C-alpha atoms as a PDB file:
ATOM      1  CA  THR A   1     -87.318  53.911  -4.933  1.00  0.00           C
ATOM      2  CA  ASP A   2     -85.973  50.518  -5.862  1.00  0.00           C
ATOM      3  CA  LEU A   3     -83.552  50.611  -2.932  1.00  0.00           C
ATOM      4  CA  SER A   4     -83.585  47.741  -0.501  1.00  0.00           C
ATOM      5  CA  ASN A   5     -84.603  48.319   3.093  1.00  0.00           C
ATOM      6  CA  CYS A   6     -81.339  47.636   4.913  1.00  0.00           C
ATOM      7  CA  THR A   7     -82.230  49.135   8.280  1.00  0.00           C
ATOM      8  CA  PHE A   8     -81.126  45.856   9.857  1.00  0.00           C
ATOM      9  CA  MET A   9     -77.555  46.954   9.046  1.00  0.00           C
ATOM     10  CA  ALA A  10     -77.776  50.204  11.045  1.00  0.00           C
ATOM     11  CA  SER A  11     -76.509  48.703  14.297  1.00  0.00           C
ATOM     12  CA  ASP A  12     -73.606  46.993  12.489  1.00  0.00           C
ATOM     13  CA  ILE A  13     -72.642  50.239  10.756  1.00  0.00           C
ATOM     14  CA  GLU A  14     -72.767  52.150  14.032  1.00  0.00           C
ATOM     15  CA  TYR A  15     -70.779  49.420  15.807  1.00  0.00           C
ATOM     16  CA  CYS A  16     -68.003  49.557  13.205  1.00  0.00           C
ATOM     17  CA  GLN A  17     -67.927  53.348  13.448  1.00  0.00           C
ATOM     18  CA  SER A  18     -67.697  53.137  17.244  1.00  0.00           C
ATOM     19  CA  ARG A  19     -64.573  50.998  16.754  1.00  0.00           C
ATOM     20  CA  GLY A  20     -62.978  53.715  14.588  1.00  0.00           C
ATOM     21  CA  LYS A  21     -63.874  52.277  11.182  1.00  0.00           C
ATOM     22  CA  ILE A  22     -64.998  54.597   8.402  1.00  0.00           C
ATOM     23  CA  VAL A  23     -68.077  53.374   6.526  1.00  0.00           C
ATOM     24  CA  THR A  24     -68.626  54.728   3.013  1.00  0.00           C
ATOM     25  CA  ILE A  25     -70.867  54.018   0.055  1.00  0.00           C
ATOM     26  CA  SER A  26     -69.695  53.552  -3.509  1.00  0.00           C
ATOM     27  CA  LEU A  27     -71.813  54.825  -6.392  1.00  0.00           C
ATOM     28  CA  GLY A  28     -71.474  54.363 -10.126  1.00  0.00           C
ATOM     29  CA  GLY A  29     -70.397  50.742 -10.343  1.00  0.00           C
ATOM     30  CA  ALA A  30     -67.137  49.502 -11.776  1.00  0.00           C
ATOM     31  CA  THR A  31     -67.081  52.005 -14.634  1.00  0.00           C
ATOM     32  CA  GLY A  32     -68.332  55.095 -12.838  1.00  0.00           C
ATOM     33  CA  ALA A  33     -70.132  56.065 -16.023  1.00  0.00           C
ATOM     34  CA  ALA A  34     -72.564  58.494 -14.402  1.00  0.00           C
ATOM     35  CA  SER A  35     -73.189  61.830 -16.058  1.00  0.00           C
ATOM     36  CA  PHE A  36     -75.455  64.795 -15.527  1.00  0.00           C
ATOM     37  CA  SER A  37     -77.096  67.049 -18.086  1.00  0.00           C
ATOM     38  CA  SER A  38     -76.841  70.159 -15.912  1.00  0.00           C
ATOM     39  CA  ALA A  39     -75.349  71.555 -12.744  1.00  0.00           C
ATOM     40  CA  ALA A  40     -78.839  71.586 -11.228  1.00  0.00           C
ATOM     41  CA  GLN A  41     -79.243  67.859 -11.894  1.00  0.00           C
ATOM     42  CA  ALA A  42     -75.857  67.133 -10.279  1.00  0.00           C
ATOM     43  CA  THR A  43     -76.780  69.271  -7.263  1.00  0.00           C
ATOM     44  CA  ALA A  44     -80.119  67.466  -6.886  1.00  0.00           C
ATOM     45  CA  PHE A  45     -78.302  64.111  -7.003  1.00  0.00           C
ATOM     46  CA  GLY A  46     -75.850  65.278  -4.333  1.00  0.00           C
ATOM     47  CA  ASP A  47     -78.709  66.480  -2.144  1.00  0.00           C
ATOM     48  CA  THR A  48     -80.463  63.117  -2.525  1.00  0.00           C
ATOM     49  CA  ILE A  49     -77.341  61.187  -1.486  1.00  0.00           C
ATOM     50  CA  TRP A  50     -76.822  63.550   1.453  1.00  0.00           C
ATOM     51  CA  ASN A  51     -80.383  63.068   2.665  1.00  0.00           C
ATOM     52  CA  MET A  52     -80.495  59.292   2.166  1.00  0.00           C
ATOM     53  CA  PHE A  53     -77.087  58.146   3.410  1.00  0.00           C
ATOM     54  CA  LEU A  54     -75.108  60.961   4.986  1.00  0.00           C
ATOM     55  CA  GLY A  55     -75.989  63.789   7.393  1.00  0.00           C
ATOM     56  CA  GLY A  56     -79.324  64.807   5.905  1.00  0.00           C
ATOM     57  CA  THR A  57     -82.798  64.190   7.195  1.00  0.00           C
ATOM     58  CA  GLY A  58     -84.579  62.570   4.266  1.00  0.00           C
ATOM     59  CA  SER A  59     -87.664  60.448   4.793  1.00  0.00           C
ATOM     60  CA  ILE A  60     -86.029  57.579   2.866  1.00  0.00           C
ATOM     61  CA  ARG A  61     -83.023  56.222   4.785  1.00  0.00           C
ATOM     62  CA  PRO A  62     -82.038  52.724   3.546  1.00  0.00           C
ATOM     63  CA  PHE A  63     -79.728  52.223   6.549  1.00  0.00           C
ATOM     64  CA  GLY A  64     -82.181  53.645   9.070  1.00  0.00           C
ATOM     65  CA  GLY A  65     -80.613  56.070  11.510  1.00  0.00           C
ATOM     66  CA  ALA A  66     -77.041  55.133  10.612  1.00  0.00           C
ATOM     67  CA  VAL A  67     -75.091  58.013   9.052  1.00  0.00           C
ATOM     68  CA  LEU A  68     -72.352  56.935   6.654  1.00  0.00           C
ATOM     69  CA  ASP A  69     -68.993  58.721   6.664  1.00  0.00           C
ATOM     70  CA  GLY A  70     -68.859  59.356   2.959  1.00  0.00           C
END
């Protein structure tokens, strides 16, 4: 992927969460002009986001072991 390796942020993310802060990721930019050609493509995108940033177990985790809240 072209994603940056931001594993150095994992401890900061986890610290903020330990203090009761919710940490989320925003996708789509200012316009949110993302579209999918099929339900299968949208599902695959959702699975990718789940595995990379949320509760999944993907091999590519830009924030290391930190699990975002949404």
